[in-house]
Protein backbone atom coordinates (compact mmCIF):
# COMPACT_ATOMS: atom_id res chain seq x y z
CA MET A 1 99.46 106.91 122.74
CA VAL A 2 101.12 108.31 119.62
CA GLU A 3 99.23 111.12 117.98
CA THR A 4 99.40 111.55 114.24
CA SER A 5 98.93 114.95 112.71
CA GLY A 6 96.37 115.22 109.94
CA LYS A 7 96.68 112.51 107.33
CA PRO A 8 96.15 108.87 108.35
CA ILE A 9 99.10 106.46 108.23
CA ASP A 10 99.04 104.38 105.04
CA VAL A 11 99.36 100.70 105.96
CA MET A 12 99.62 97.44 104.03
CA LEU A 13 99.12 94.05 105.66
CA ALA A 14 100.59 90.70 104.62
CA ASP A 15 99.73 87.34 106.19
CA SER A 16 99.22 83.94 104.58
CA ASN A 17 96.33 83.08 106.93
CA PRO A 18 93.10 84.51 105.44
CA LEU A 19 91.39 84.62 108.84
CA VAL A 20 94.25 86.62 110.42
CA LEU A 21 94.41 88.92 107.40
CA SER A 22 90.68 89.57 107.56
CA ALA A 23 90.76 90.27 111.31
CA MET A 24 93.75 92.60 111.03
CA SER A 25 92.11 94.42 108.12
CA GLU A 26 89.02 95.08 110.21
CA ILE A 27 91.12 96.31 113.15
CA PHE A 28 93.07 98.79 111.02
CA GLU A 29 89.97 99.98 109.15
CA ARG A 30 88.25 100.84 112.46
CA ASP A 31 91.16 102.96 113.74
CA PRO A 32 91.06 106.51 112.31
CA ARG A 33 94.85 106.87 112.65
CA PHE A 34 95.32 104.41 109.78
CA SER A 35 94.37 104.06 106.14
CA LEU A 36 94.46 100.44 105.00
CA VAL A 37 95.81 100.58 101.45
CA ALA A 38 96.06 96.88 100.57
CA THR A 39 96.53 93.34 101.83
CA SER A 40 98.44 90.37 100.49
CA ALA A 41 98.82 86.69 101.28
CA THR A 42 102.36 86.49 99.86
CA ALA A 43 105.64 88.41 99.96
CA GLU A 44 105.56 88.69 96.18
CA GLY A 45 102.09 90.24 96.28
CA PHE A 46 103.23 92.69 98.95
CA LEU A 47 106.29 93.62 96.91
CA GLY A 48 104.31 94.14 93.70
CA THR A 49 101.80 96.39 95.44
CA VAL A 50 104.22 98.61 97.37
CA MET A 51 106.30 99.17 94.23
CA ARG A 52 103.18 100.75 92.68
CA ILE A 53 101.48 102.24 95.74
CA PRO A 54 103.88 103.39 98.49
CA VAL A 55 102.79 102.90 102.10
CA GLN A 56 104.34 104.16 105.33
CA VAL A 57 104.07 100.94 107.33
CA GLY A 58 103.98 97.31 106.29
CA VAL A 59 102.70 94.79 108.85
CA VAL A 60 104.14 91.48 107.74
CA ASP A 61 103.99 87.92 109.07
CA TRP A 62 107.55 86.71 109.69
CA THR A 63 106.85 83.40 107.90
CA LEU A 64 105.19 84.96 104.86
CA PRO A 65 105.44 82.72 101.79
CA ALA A 66 107.49 82.35 99.63
CA LEU A 67 110.28 84.89 100.16
CA GLY A 68 109.71 85.38 103.88
CA ALA A 69 109.77 88.69 105.71
CA ALA A 70 113.57 88.92 106.02
CA LYS A 71 114.08 88.65 102.25
CA LEU A 72 111.19 91.05 101.59
CA ILE A 73 112.80 93.67 103.84
CA GLU A 74 116.16 93.10 102.13
CA VAL A 75 114.66 93.59 98.67
CA LEU A 76 112.88 96.82 99.66
CA ARG A 77 115.53 98.26 101.99
CA ASP A 78 117.21 100.48 99.39
CA GLN A 79 114.02 101.72 97.73
CA ALA A 80 113.32 105.44 98.25
CA ASP A 81 109.67 104.90 99.23
CA ALA A 82 110.15 101.66 101.14
CA PRO A 83 107.73 101.16 104.04
CA ARG A 84 108.92 100.77 107.59
CA PHE A 85 108.21 97.20 108.66
CA VAL A 86 106.42 95.84 111.71
CA ILE A 87 106.88 92.10 111.95
CA TYR A 88 103.88 90.25 113.32
CA GLY A 89 104.91 86.86 114.62
CA ASP A 90 105.65 84.41 117.38
CA ALA A 91 107.47 86.15 120.24
CA SER A 92 109.13 82.96 121.42
CA GLY A 93 112.54 82.08 120.12
CA ASP A 94 114.68 84.42 118.05
CA VAL A 95 112.03 86.01 115.83
CA PRO A 96 112.13 89.52 117.41
CA ARG A 97 115.95 89.59 117.24
CA LEU A 98 116.01 88.21 113.68
CA ALA A 99 113.41 90.79 112.62
CA MET A 100 115.54 93.59 114.06
CA GLN A 101 118.66 92.25 112.34
CA ALA A 102 116.79 92.05 109.04
CA GLY A 103 115.95 95.74 109.24
CA ALA A 104 112.40 95.79 110.61
CA ALA A 105 111.44 98.85 112.66
CA GLY A 106 109.11 97.03 115.04
CA PHE A 107 107.77 93.75 116.29
CA ALA A 108 104.33 92.82 117.60
CA ALA A 109 103.60 89.37 119.01
CA ARG A 110 100.70 87.38 117.57
CA SER A 111 99.71 86.55 121.13
CA GLY A 112 99.70 90.24 122.12
CA GLU A 113 96.87 92.71 122.57
CA VAL A 114 95.34 94.47 119.57
CA ASP A 115 96.20 97.88 121.04
CA VAL A 116 99.87 96.90 121.21
CA LEU A 117 99.90 96.14 117.48
CA LEU A 118 98.20 99.45 116.66
CA GLU A 119 100.48 101.47 118.96
CA THR A 120 103.56 99.73 117.56
CA CYS A 121 102.51 100.70 114.03
CA ALA A 122 101.82 104.31 115.04
CA GLU A 123 105.20 104.59 116.78
CA VAL A 124 107.03 103.02 113.83
CA ALA A 125 105.30 105.49 111.48
CA ALA A 126 106.56 108.28 113.77
CA GLY A 127 110.13 107.09 113.24
CA LYS A 128 110.65 104.98 116.35
CA MET A 129 111.90 101.42 116.68
CA VAL A 130 109.66 99.20 118.81
CA PHE A 131 110.86 95.79 119.97
CA PRO A 132 110.38 93.70 123.10
CA PHE A 133 113.39 93.40 125.37
CA ILE A 134 116.01 91.28 123.64
CA ASP A 135 118.77 89.88 125.81
C-alpha cells in the first residue's frame, strides 16, 4: 500500500456513464488518501476544468466522448500542471498498450477490484507507472 505524506492526492474523474461516475466518486470520497476535485462526463469538460483547477491524477475512461482519452492526454501532455493519467477501461484487447503509448501513467481494468484502482492512483501520484503485463 502506498502511503501519502500529509496532503491528500487531488483527483478528477471522467466517465460518460453517470452510474460509473457516481460510484467512482463515492469510492474516492471515502478514501482519505484522495481529495475528489471534480468529475466530468466528457473529455472537453475534463480539459476545461483541469486548465483552471490543476489535479495530480486524472482517472479517465478510455472511450470518453468526444475527444477520447488518447487525444485528451496529447492535448495536456505539454502543460506544466498536467495531471498524470490513469486509464480506466476494458483490459481485453490493446487498450492497456494503447494507453501506455498515449502517455498515460497507469491502467486499471473496469472489471478489476476497487482496491486495485485506488492503489493504482496512489502509485501513479507517487511517480510510478502501473500497467498490467503487456506482451
